[in-house]
Amino acid sequence: MKKRCSWVTDDPLYVAYHDEEWGVPVYDDKTLFEFLVLETFQAGLSWITILKKRENFRKAFDQFDYKVISKYDDDKFLELIENAGIIRNKLKIKATISNAQAFIKIQEEFGSFSKYIWNYVDGKPIKNSIVNSEDVPAKTILSDKISKDLKKKGFKFVGSTVIYAFMQATGMVNDHSVDCFLHSCNTS
């Protein structure tokens, strides 16, 4: 039996997410945008809630196509507010639309969002040595810095805690515990 991080439950969705996605470096802009949206909606909720609604989010938000989302109008906003399959938080839905617009501006400035975001860690994951799940920080000086810059660039709902969770999810930091079978993986 594989030893996993202590936060992983026996829910097959959680196990698959931990084993196949969490902490794996992501350099694709579309996937980075998806995680940014999901982490935004997760704020204040459990991650399993978001995982269970992930497919609904994909359908509702045009497979996380930020170019399409950046052009959403009032009718689409109202459609999303009525969609019981997602988290129907008006401010987070509006933030997703404006974040798509800001995401495109970063792409225009840096060539890709990936280049922009990965530059903060010199293009490779920070590998931490987590012994207990209590040792995992909610935020760091680096997530504070990224959050501040993203806000300056027009992003919303990108507080330091959201950004640190995003960094973990996309492999910018490897916070698998030292006894997890994935601790030594996903570092490039």
N, C-alpha and C. Protein backbone atom coordinates (compact mmCIF):
# COMPACT_ATOMS: atom_id res chain seq x y z
N MET A 1 0.83 -1.19 0.00
CA MET A 1 0.00 0.00 0.00
C MET A 1 0.88 1.26 0.00
N LYS A 2 0.53 2.21 -0.86
CA LYS A 2 1.31 3.44 -0.98
C LYS A 2 1.02 4.38 0.18
N LYS A 3 2.06 5.00 0.69
CA LYS A 3 1.92 6.00 1.75
C LYS A 3 1.70 7.35 1.07
N ARG A 4 0.63 8.04 1.46
CA ARG A 4 0.28 9.34 0.87
C ARG A 4 0.31 10.42 1.94
N CYS A 5 0.23 11.66 1.50
CA CYS A 5 0.12 12.79 2.41
C CYS A 5 -1.09 12.57 3.32
N SER A 6 -0.99 13.01 4.56
CA SER A 6 -2.03 12.73 5.55
C SER A 6 -3.37 13.38 5.24
N TRP A 7 -3.40 14.43 4.41
CA TRP A 7 -4.66 15.10 4.10
C TRP A 7 -5.53 14.32 3.11
N VAL A 8 -4.97 13.31 2.48
CA VAL A 8 -5.70 12.54 1.47
C VAL A 8 -6.65 11.57 2.17
N THR A 9 -7.91 11.65 1.82
CA THR A 9 -8.89 10.72 2.38
C THR A 9 -8.93 9.47 1.49
N ASP A 10 -9.84 8.56 1.77
CA ASP A 10 -9.96 7.37 0.93
C ASP A 10 -10.92 7.59 -0.24
N ASP A 11 -11.41 8.81 -0.40
CA ASP A 11 -12.27 9.13 -1.54
C ASP A 11 -11.46 8.94 -2.82
N PRO A 12 -11.93 8.10 -3.76
CA PRO A 12 -11.17 7.84 -4.99
C PRO A 12 -10.84 9.11 -5.79
N LEU A 13 -11.72 10.10 -5.74
CA LEU A 13 -11.47 11.36 -6.43
C LEU A 13 -10.28 12.09 -5.81
N TYR A 14 -10.23 12.11 -4.49
CA TYR A 14 -9.13 12.74 -3.76
C TYR A 14 -7.81 12.00 -4.00
N VAL A 15 -7.87 10.66 -3.95
CA VAL A 15 -6.68 9.84 -4.17
C VAL A 15 -6.13 10.10 -5.57
N ALA A 16 -6.99 10.09 -6.57
CA ALA A 16 -6.55 10.32 -7.95
C ALA A 16 -5.97 11.72 -8.10
N TYR A 17 -6.60 12.71 -7.50
CA TYR A 17 -6.09 14.08 -7.57
C TYR A 17 -4.69 14.15 -6.95
N HIS A 18 -4.54 13.60 -5.77
CA HIS A 18 -3.24 13.60 -5.10
C HIS A 18 -2.18 12.87 -5.93
N ASP A 19 -2.53 11.69 -6.41
CA ASP A 19 -1.55 10.83 -7.09
C ASP A 19 -1.19 11.31 -8.50
N GLU A 20 -2.13 11.96 -9.17
CA GLU A 20 -1.92 12.29 -10.58
C GLU A 20 -1.75 13.77 -10.89
N GLU A 21 -2.20 14.65 -9.98
CA GLU A 21 -2.17 16.07 -10.30
C GLU A 21 -1.45 16.95 -9.29
N TRP A 22 -1.79 16.81 -8.02
CA TRP A 22 -1.31 17.75 -7.00
C TRP A 22 0.21 17.74 -6.94
N GLY A 23 0.81 18.88 -7.16
CA GLY A 23 2.25 18.99 -7.08
C GLY A 23 2.99 18.66 -8.37
N VAL A 24 2.26 18.26 -9.40
CA VAL A 24 2.91 17.98 -10.69
C VAL A 24 3.08 19.31 -11.41
N PRO A 25 4.31 19.65 -11.81
CA PRO A 25 4.52 20.94 -12.48
C PRO A 25 3.66 21.12 -13.73
N VAL A 26 2.97 22.24 -13.78
CA VAL A 26 2.09 22.59 -14.89
C VAL A 26 2.66 23.82 -15.58
N TYR A 27 2.89 23.70 -16.88
CA TYR A 27 3.43 24.82 -17.65
C TYR A 27 2.47 25.28 -18.75
N ASP A 28 1.35 24.61 -18.89
CA ASP A 28 0.36 24.92 -19.90
C ASP A 28 -0.57 26.03 -19.40
N ASP A 29 -0.69 27.10 -20.18
CA ASP A 29 -1.50 28.24 -19.74
C ASP A 29 -2.95 27.88 -19.45
N LYS A 30 -3.56 27.07 -20.28
CA LYS A 30 -4.97 26.73 -20.06
C LYS A 30 -5.16 26.00 -18.73
N THR A 31 -4.25 25.07 -18.44
CA THR A 31 -4.35 24.32 -17.18
C THR A 31 -4.04 25.23 -15.99
N LEU A 32 -3.09 26.13 -16.15
CA LEU A 32 -2.80 27.08 -15.08
C LEU A 32 -4.02 27.95 -14.79
N PHE A 33 -4.71 28.38 -15.85
CA PHE A 33 -5.91 29.19 -15.65
C PHE A 33 -6.99 28.37 -14.94
N GLU A 34 -7.15 27.12 -15.34
CA GLU A 34 -8.14 26.26 -14.68
C GLU A 34 -7.87 26.18 -13.18
N PHE A 35 -6.62 25.94 -12.80
CA PHE A 35 -6.30 25.86 -11.37
C PHE A 35 -6.51 27.19 -10.66
N LEU A 36 -6.22 28.27 -11.34
CA LEU A 36 -6.44 29.58 -10.74
C LEU A 36 -7.93 29.80 -10.45
N VAL A 37 -8.77 29.42 -11.40
CA VAL A 37 -10.22 29.54 -11.22
C VAL A 37 -10.68 28.63 -10.08
N LEU A 38 -10.26 27.38 -10.10
CA LEU A 38 -10.71 26.42 -9.08
C LEU A 38 -10.25 26.84 -7.68
N GLU A 39 -9.02 27.31 -7.58
CA GLU A 39 -8.53 27.76 -6.26
C GLU A 39 -9.29 28.98 -5.78
N THR A 40 -9.67 29.86 -6.71
CA THR A 40 -10.48 31.03 -6.36
C THR A 40 -11.82 30.59 -5.78
N PHE A 41 -12.47 29.65 -6.45
CA PHE A 41 -13.77 29.18 -5.96
C PHE A 41 -13.65 28.36 -4.69
N GLN A 42 -12.50 27.75 -4.47
CA GLN A 42 -12.31 26.92 -3.28
C GLN A 42 -12.21 27.75 -2.02
N ALA A 43 -11.77 28.99 -2.13
CA ALA A 43 -11.58 29.83 -0.94
C ALA A 43 -12.80 29.76 -0.03
N GLY A 44 -12.58 29.32 1.19
CA GLY A 44 -13.66 29.20 2.16
C GLY A 44 -14.40 27.87 2.13
N LEU A 45 -14.03 27.00 1.20
CA LEU A 45 -14.68 25.69 1.07
C LEU A 45 -13.63 24.59 1.12
N SER A 46 -14.08 23.36 1.15
CA SER A 46 -13.13 22.24 1.12
C SER A 46 -12.77 21.93 -0.34
N TRP A 47 -11.56 21.44 -0.54
CA TRP A 47 -11.10 21.12 -1.89
C TRP A 47 -11.93 19.99 -2.50
N ILE A 48 -12.37 19.05 -1.69
CA ILE A 48 -13.17 17.93 -2.22
C ILE A 48 -14.48 18.45 -2.82
N THR A 49 -15.02 19.51 -2.25
CA THR A 49 -16.24 20.12 -2.81
C THR A 49 -15.97 20.59 -4.23
N ILE A 50 -14.82 21.21 -4.44
CA ILE A 50 -14.46 21.70 -5.77
C ILE A 50 -14.19 20.53 -6.72
N LEU A 51 -13.48 19.53 -6.24
CA LEU A 51 -13.19 18.36 -7.09
C LEU A 51 -14.48 17.70 -7.58
N LYS A 52 -15.45 17.60 -6.69
CA LYS A 52 -16.72 16.96 -7.07
C LYS A 52 -17.50 17.79 -8.09
N LYS A 53 -17.26 19.08 -8.14
CA LYS A 53 -17.95 19.96 -9.08
C LYS A 53 -17.08 20.34 -10.28
N ARG A 54 -15.88 19.79 -10.35
CA ARG A 54 -14.92 20.20 -11.37
C ARG A 54 -15.45 20.05 -12.79
N GLU A 55 -16.08 18.94 -13.10
CA GLU A 55 -16.62 18.73 -14.44
C GLU A 55 -17.74 19.73 -14.74
N ASN A 56 -18.53 20.04 -13.73
CA ASN A 56 -19.57 21.06 -13.91
C ASN A 56 -18.95 22.42 -14.20
N PHE A 57 -17.86 22.74 -13.50
CA PHE A 57 -17.14 23.98 -13.76
C PHE A 57 -16.61 24.00 -15.19
N ARG A 58 -16.05 22.89 -15.62
CA ARG A 58 -15.50 22.83 -16.99
C ARG A 58 -16.59 23.12 -18.02
N LYS A 59 -17.74 22.51 -17.83
CA LYS A 59 -18.85 22.72 -18.78
C LYS A 59 -19.35 24.16 -18.70
N ALA A 60 -19.54 24.64 -17.50
CA ALA A 60 -20.09 25.99 -17.30
C ALA A 60 -19.16 27.08 -17.82
N PHE A 61 -17.86 26.87 -17.65
CA PHE A 61 -16.87 27.88 -18.03
C PHE A 61 -16.12 27.50 -19.31
N ASP A 62 -16.83 26.92 -20.26
CA ASP A 62 -16.27 26.65 -21.60
C ASP A 62 -14.89 26.00 -21.55
N GLN A 63 -14.78 24.94 -20.75
CA GLN A 63 -13.52 24.19 -20.62
C GLN A 63 -12.36 25.09 -20.17
N PHE A 64 -12.70 26.12 -19.43
CA PHE A 64 -11.72 27.08 -18.91
C PHE A 64 -10.96 27.81 -20.02
N ASP A 65 -11.63 28.03 -21.12
CA ASP A 65 -11.04 28.79 -22.22
C ASP A 65 -11.08 30.28 -21.85
N TYR A 66 -9.96 30.79 -21.39
CA TYR A 66 -9.90 32.17 -20.88
C TYR A 66 -10.23 33.20 -21.95
N LYS A 67 -9.97 32.88 -23.22
CA LYS A 67 -10.31 33.83 -24.29
C LYS A 67 -11.82 33.97 -24.41
N VAL A 68 -12.52 32.87 -24.28
CA VAL A 68 -14.00 32.90 -24.32
C VAL A 68 -14.53 33.57 -23.05
N ILE A 69 -13.99 33.17 -21.91
CA ILE A 69 -14.46 33.70 -20.63
C ILE A 69 -14.26 35.21 -20.55
N SER A 70 -13.18 35.72 -21.12
CA SER A 70 -12.90 37.16 -21.07
C SER A 70 -13.97 37.98 -21.77
N LYS A 71 -14.78 37.34 -22.61
CA LYS A 71 -15.82 38.04 -23.36
C LYS A 71 -17.23 37.75 -22.85
N TYR A 72 -17.33 37.09 -21.71
CA TYR A 72 -18.66 36.80 -21.16
C TYR A 72 -19.43 38.10 -20.96
N ASP A 73 -20.72 38.05 -21.29
CA ASP A 73 -21.59 39.20 -21.12
C ASP A 73 -22.55 38.98 -19.95
N ASP A 74 -23.47 39.89 -19.77
CA ASP A 74 -24.41 39.80 -18.66
C ASP A 74 -25.28 38.55 -18.75
N ASP A 75 -25.67 38.16 -19.95
CA ASP A 75 -26.49 36.96 -20.11
C ASP A 75 -25.76 35.72 -19.62
N LYS A 76 -24.47 35.61 -19.98
CA LYS A 76 -23.67 34.46 -19.54
C LYS A 76 -23.48 34.51 -18.03
N PHE A 77 -23.27 35.70 -17.48
CA PHE A 77 -23.13 35.85 -16.03
C PHE A 77 -24.39 35.34 -15.34
N LEU A 78 -25.56 35.74 -15.84
CA LEU A 78 -26.82 35.29 -15.24
C LEU A 78 -27.00 33.79 -15.37
N GLU A 79 -26.58 33.23 -16.49
CA GLU A 79 -26.63 31.78 -16.70
C GLU A 79 -25.78 31.06 -15.64
N LEU A 80 -24.60 31.61 -15.37
CA LEU A 80 -23.71 31.00 -14.38
C LEU A 80 -24.30 31.10 -12.97
N ILE A 81 -24.92 32.22 -12.66
CA ILE A 81 -25.54 32.40 -11.34
C ILE A 81 -26.66 31.38 -11.12
N GLU A 82 -27.30 30.96 -12.19
CA GLU A 82 -28.41 30.00 -12.11
C GLU A 82 -27.94 28.54 -12.14
N ASN A 83 -26.65 28.32 -12.39
CA ASN A 83 -26.12 26.96 -12.57
C ASN A 83 -25.86 26.31 -11.20
N ALA A 84 -26.72 25.39 -10.81
CA ALA A 84 -26.61 24.73 -9.51
C ALA A 84 -25.43 23.76 -9.45
N GLY A 85 -24.81 23.48 -10.57
CA GLY A 85 -23.69 22.54 -10.60
C GLY A 85 -22.36 23.14 -10.18
N ILE A 86 -22.32 24.49 -10.06
CA ILE A 86 -21.08 25.16 -9.66
C ILE A 86 -21.32 25.91 -8.36
N ILE A 87 -20.30 26.57 -7.86
CA ILE A 87 -20.44 27.46 -6.71
C ILE A 87 -20.97 28.78 -7.25
N ARG A 88 -22.15 29.17 -6.84
CA ARG A 88 -22.80 30.34 -7.43
C ARG A 88 -22.53 31.62 -6.63
N ASN A 89 -21.27 31.93 -6.52
CA ASN A 89 -20.85 33.14 -5.82
C ASN A 89 -20.67 34.24 -6.86
N LYS A 90 -21.52 35.25 -6.79
CA LYS A 90 -21.51 36.33 -7.79
C LYS A 90 -20.14 36.99 -7.92
N LEU A 91 -19.52 37.29 -6.79
CA LEU A 91 -18.23 37.99 -6.83
C LEU A 91 -17.14 37.11 -7.45
N LYS A 92 -17.17 35.82 -7.15
CA LYS A 92 -16.15 34.91 -7.71
C LYS A 92 -16.39 34.69 -9.21
N ILE A 93 -17.64 34.67 -9.62
CA ILE A 93 -17.93 34.54 -11.06
C ILE A 93 -17.45 35.79 -11.79
N LYS A 94 -17.76 36.97 -11.24
CA LYS A 94 -17.28 38.21 -11.86
C LYS A 94 -15.76 38.26 -11.87
N ALA A 95 -15.14 37.81 -10.80
CA ALA A 95 -13.68 37.78 -10.73
C ALA A 95 -13.10 36.86 -11.79
N THR A 96 -13.75 35.74 -12.06
CA THR A 96 -13.26 34.82 -13.08
C THR A 96 -13.24 35.49 -14.45
N ILE A 97 -14.25 36.27 -14.73
CA ILE A 97 -14.31 36.98 -16.02
C ILE A 97 -13.21 38.03 -16.09
N SER A 98 -13.08 38.85 -15.06
CA SER A 98 -12.04 39.89 -15.08
C SER A 98 -10.65 39.27 -14.99
N ASN A 99 -10.51 38.15 -14.28
CA ASN A 99 -9.21 37.47 -14.21
C ASN A 99 -8.81 36.91 -15.57
N ALA A 100 -9.77 36.46 -16.36
CA ALA A 100 -9.46 35.99 -17.72
C ALA A 100 -8.90 37.14 -18.55
N GLN A 101 -9.47 38.32 -18.38
CA GLN A 101 -8.98 39.49 -19.11
C GLN A 101 -7.56 39.86 -18.65
N ALA A 102 -7.33 39.82 -17.35
CA ALA A 102 -5.99 40.13 -16.81
C ALA A 102 -4.98 39.05 -17.21
N PHE A 103 -5.43 37.81 -17.28
CA PHE A 103 -4.58 36.68 -17.70
C PHE A 103 -4.06 36.92 -19.12
N ILE A 104 -4.95 37.35 -20.00
CA ILE A 104 -4.57 37.63 -21.39
C ILE A 104 -3.56 38.78 -21.46
N LYS A 105 -3.74 39.79 -20.63
CA LYS A 105 -2.79 40.91 -20.60
C LYS A 105 -1.40 40.44 -20.17
N ILE A 106 -1.35 39.53 -19.21
CA ILE A 106 -0.05 38.98 -18.79
C ILE A 106 0.57 38.19 -19.93
N GLN A 107 -0.23 37.42 -20.65
CA GLN A 107 0.29 36.68 -21.81
C GLN A 107 0.89 37.64 -22.83
N GLU A 108 0.20 38.72 -23.07
CA GLU A 108 0.69 39.70 -24.04
C GLU A 108 2.00 40.33 -23.58
N GLU A 109 2.12 40.57 -22.28
CA GLU A 109 3.32 41.21 -21.74
C GLU A 109 4.51 40.25 -21.63
N PHE A 110 4.26 39.00 -21.23
CA PHE A 110 5.34 38.07 -20.94
C PHE A 110 5.48 36.93 -21.95
N GLY A 111 4.58 36.85 -22.92
CA GLY A 111 4.62 35.77 -23.89
C GLY A 111 3.73 34.60 -23.49
N SER A 112 3.60 34.37 -22.20
CA SER A 112 2.68 33.37 -21.67
C SER A 112 2.52 33.61 -20.17
N PHE A 113 1.41 33.15 -19.63
CA PHE A 113 1.23 33.24 -18.18
C PHE A 113 2.25 32.33 -17.50
N SER A 114 2.51 31.20 -18.11
CA SER A 114 3.47 30.24 -17.57
C SER A 114 4.84 30.89 -17.35
N LYS A 115 5.32 31.62 -18.34
CA LYS A 115 6.63 32.30 -18.19
C LYS A 115 6.59 33.27 -17.03
N TYR A 116 5.49 34.01 -16.94
CA TYR A 116 5.34 34.99 -15.86
C TYR A 116 5.37 34.30 -14.49
N ILE A 117 4.53 33.30 -14.29
CA ILE A 117 4.36 32.71 -12.96
C ILE A 117 5.56 31.86 -12.56
N TRP A 118 6.10 31.09 -13.49
CA TRP A 118 7.23 30.21 -13.17
C TRP A 118 8.53 31.00 -12.97
N ASN A 119 8.58 32.22 -13.44
CA ASN A 119 9.75 33.05 -13.20
C ASN A 119 9.97 33.28 -11.71
N TYR A 120 8.89 33.25 -10.94
CA TYR A 120 9.00 33.45 -9.49
C TYR A 120 9.80 32.35 -8.79
N VAL A 121 9.88 31.17 -9.42
CA VAL A 121 10.63 30.06 -8.82
C VAL A 121 11.75 29.60 -9.75
N ASP A 122 12.20 30.49 -10.62
CA ASP A 122 13.28 30.19 -11.57
C ASP A 122 12.98 28.97 -12.43
N GLY A 123 11.69 28.76 -12.72
CA GLY A 123 11.29 27.70 -13.65
C GLY A 123 11.26 26.29 -13.10
N LYS A 124 11.58 26.13 -11.81
CA LYS A 124 11.56 24.78 -11.25
C LYS A 124 10.94 24.78 -9.85
N PRO A 125 10.34 23.67 -9.47
CA PRO A 125 9.63 23.61 -8.18
C PRO A 125 10.54 23.81 -6.97
N ILE A 126 9.98 24.45 -5.98
CA ILE A 126 10.61 24.53 -4.66
C ILE A 126 10.23 23.24 -3.94
N LYS A 127 11.21 22.51 -3.46
CA LYS A 127 10.93 21.24 -2.78
C LYS A 127 11.05 21.44 -1.27
N ASN A 128 9.93 21.32 -0.59
CA ASN A 128 9.91 21.46 0.86
C ASN A 128 10.04 20.09 1.52
N SER A 129 10.36 20.09 2.79
CA SER A 129 10.49 18.84 3.55
C SER A 129 9.43 18.81 4.64
N ILE A 130 8.23 18.50 4.23
CA ILE A 130 7.09 18.48 5.13
C ILE A 130 7.06 17.16 5.89
N VAL A 131 7.06 17.23 7.22
CA VAL A 131 6.98 16.03 8.04
C VAL A 131 5.53 15.76 8.43
N ASN A 132 4.85 16.78 8.91
CA ASN A 132 3.44 16.67 9.31
C ASN A 132 2.62 17.66 8.50
N SER A 133 1.36 17.32 8.26
CA SER A 133 0.51 18.24 7.49
C SER A 133 0.38 19.59 8.20
N GLU A 134 0.56 19.61 9.51
CA GLU A 134 0.50 20.87 10.26
C GLU A 134 1.68 21.78 9.89
N ASP A 135 2.73 21.20 9.31
CA ASP A 135 3.91 21.99 8.92
C ASP A 135 3.71 22.76 7.61
N VAL A 136 2.66 22.43 6.88
CA VAL A 136 2.42 23.08 5.59
C VAL A 136 1.90 24.49 5.84
N PRO A 137 2.59 25.48 5.32
CA PRO A 137 2.13 26.85 5.54
C PRO A 137 0.87 27.15 4.72
N ALA A 138 0.07 28.08 5.19
CA ALA A 138 -1.10 28.52 4.43
C ALA A 138 -0.67 29.54 3.38
N LYS A 139 0.43 30.22 3.67
CA LYS A 139 0.97 31.21 2.74
C LYS A 139 2.44 31.41 3.08
N THR A 140 3.15 32.04 2.17
CA THR A 140 4.58 32.30 2.37
C THR A 140 4.91 33.73 1.92
N ILE A 141 6.13 34.13 2.14
CA ILE A 141 6.58 35.44 1.65
C ILE A 141 6.44 35.49 0.13
N LEU A 142 6.77 34.38 -0.54
CA LEU A 142 6.67 34.34 -2.00
C LEU A 142 5.22 34.42 -2.47
N SER A 143 4.31 33.69 -1.81
CA SER A 143 2.90 33.78 -2.22
C SER A 143 2.35 35.18 -1.94
N ASP A 144 2.85 35.83 -0.88
CA ASP A 144 2.47 37.23 -0.62
C ASP A 144 2.89 38.12 -1.80
N LYS A 145 4.12 37.92 -2.26
CA LYS A 145 4.68 38.72 -3.35
C LYS A 145 3.89 38.51 -4.66
N ILE A 146 3.62 37.24 -4.98
CA ILE A 146 2.87 36.93 -6.20
C ILE A 146 1.45 37.50 -6.12
N SER A 147 0.81 37.30 -4.98
CA SER A 147 -0.54 37.81 -4.77
C SER A 147 -0.59 39.33 -4.98
N LYS A 148 0.35 40.01 -4.38
CA LYS A 148 0.40 41.48 -4.50
C LYS A 148 0.55 41.90 -5.96
N ASP A 149 1.43 41.22 -6.69
CA ASP A 149 1.65 41.57 -8.09
C ASP A 149 0.43 41.26 -8.95
N LEU A 150 -0.19 40.11 -8.70
CA LEU A 150 -1.40 39.76 -9.47
C LEU A 150 -2.52 40.78 -9.23
N LYS A 151 -2.67 41.20 -7.99
CA LYS A 151 -3.68 42.21 -7.67
C LYS A 151 -3.38 43.52 -8.40
N LYS A 152 -2.10 43.88 -8.43
CA LYS A 152 -1.68 45.09 -9.14
C LYS A 152 -2.01 44.98 -10.63
N LYS A 153 -1.98 43.75 -11.15
CA LYS A 153 -2.26 43.51 -12.56
C LYS A 153 -3.76 43.30 -12.83
N GLY A 154 -4.59 43.51 -11.81
CA GLY A 154 -6.04 43.48 -12.01
C GLY A 154 -6.76 42.21 -11.58
N PHE A 155 -6.05 41.24 -11.02
CA PHE A 155 -6.70 40.00 -10.58
C PHE A 155 -7.44 40.22 -9.28
N LYS A 156 -8.49 39.43 -9.09
CA LYS A 156 -9.30 39.48 -7.87
C LYS A 156 -9.36 38.08 -7.26
N PHE A 157 -9.62 38.02 -5.95
CA PHE A 157 -9.68 36.76 -5.22
C PHE A 157 -8.38 35.96 -5.34
N VAL A 158 -7.27 36.67 -5.31
CA VAL A 158 -5.96 36.02 -5.40
C VAL A 158 -5.12 36.39 -4.18
N GLY A 159 -5.73 36.22 -3.01
CA GLY A 159 -4.99 36.46 -1.77
C GLY A 159 -3.84 35.47 -1.64
N SER A 160 -2.98 35.71 -0.71
CA SER A 160 -1.78 34.90 -0.54
C SER A 160 -2.09 33.43 -0.29
N THR A 161 -3.14 33.13 0.47
CA THR A 161 -3.50 31.74 0.75
C THR A 161 -3.97 31.04 -0.52
N VAL A 162 -4.78 31.72 -1.33
CA VAL A 162 -5.23 31.17 -2.61
C VAL A 162 -4.03 30.92 -3.51
N ILE A 163 -3.11 31.86 -3.55
CA ILE A 163 -1.94 31.72 -4.41
C ILE A 163 -1.04 30.59 -3.93
N TYR A 164 -0.88 30.42 -2.63
CA TYR A 164 -0.05 29.31 -2.16
C TYR A 164 -0.68 27.97 -2.53
N ALA A 165 -1.99 27.86 -2.40
CA ALA A 165 -2.68 26.63 -2.81
C ALA A 165 -2.51 26.40 -4.31
N PHE A 166 -2.57 27.46 -5.09
CA PHE A 166 -2.33 27.39 -6.53
C PHE A 166 -0.90 26.89 -6.81
N MET A 167 0.06 27.42 -6.07
CA MET A 167 1.45 27.01 -6.25
C MET A 167 1.64 25.52 -5.93
N GLN A 168 0.96 25.05 -4.90
CA GLN A 168 1.02 23.63 -4.56
C GLN A 168 0.38 22.78 -5.65
N ALA A 169 -0.80 23.18 -6.08
CA ALA A 169 -1.55 22.41 -7.07
C ALA A 169 -0.80 22.30 -8.39
N THR A 170 -0.13 23.37 -8.77
CA THR A 170 0.53 23.40 -10.08
C THR A 170 2.01 23.02 -10.01
N GLY A 171 2.44 22.54 -8.86
CA GLY A 171 3.81 22.04 -8.74
C GLY A 171 4.88 23.09 -8.60
N MET A 172 4.52 24.34 -8.41
CA MET A 172 5.54 25.36 -8.17
C MET A 172 6.25 25.09 -6.85
N VAL A 173 5.53 24.48 -5.92
CA VAL A 173 6.12 23.97 -4.68
C VAL A 173 5.72 22.51 -4.53
N ASN A 174 6.65 21.72 -4.05
CA ASN A 174 6.38 20.32 -3.76
C ASN A 174 6.21 20.21 -2.26
N ASP A 175 4.96 20.11 -1.83
CA ASP A 175 4.66 19.99 -0.41
C ASP A 175 4.18 18.59 -0.05
N HIS A 176 4.53 17.59 -0.87
CA HIS A 176 4.24 16.22 -0.46
C HIS A 176 5.09 15.93 0.77
N SER A 177 4.49 15.30 1.76
CA SER A 177 5.23 14.99 2.98
C SER A 177 6.38 14.04 2.67
N VAL A 178 7.41 14.08 3.50
CA VAL A 178 8.62 13.30 3.22
C VAL A 178 8.35 11.80 3.19
N ASP A 179 7.28 11.35 3.85
CA ASP A 179 6.96 9.92 3.83
C ASP A 179 5.96 9.55 2.72
N CYS A 180 5.54 10.52 1.93
CA CYS A 180 4.62 10.27 0.81
C CYS A 180 5.42 9.69 -0.35
N PHE A 181 4.84 8.73 -1.05
CA PHE A 181 5.55 8.10 -2.16
C PHE A 181 5.84 9.09 -3.30
N LEU A 182 5.21 10.25 -3.31
CA LEU A 182 5.44 11.24 -4.35
C LEU A 182 6.43 12.35 -3.96
N HIS A 183 6.93 12.30 -2.74
CA HIS A 183 7.82 13.37 -2.29
C HIS A 183 9.04 13.54 -3.21
N SER A 184 9.59 12.45 -3.65
CA SER A 184 10.81 12.52 -4.48
C SER A 184 10.51 12.71 -5.95
N CYS A 185 9.23 12.69 -6.31
CA CYS A 185 8.84 12.84 -7.72
C CYS A 185 8.51 14.30 -8.02
N ASN A 186 8.16 14.54 -9.27
CA ASN A 186 7.57 15.83 -9.69
C ASN A 186 8.45 17.04 -9.38
N THR A 187 9.74 16.89 -9.54
CA THR A 187 10.60 18.03 -9.23
C THR A 187 11.20 18.68 -10.46
N SER A 188 10.69 18.33 -11.62
CA SER A 188 11.22 19.00 -12.81
C SER A 188 10.13 19.24 -13.81
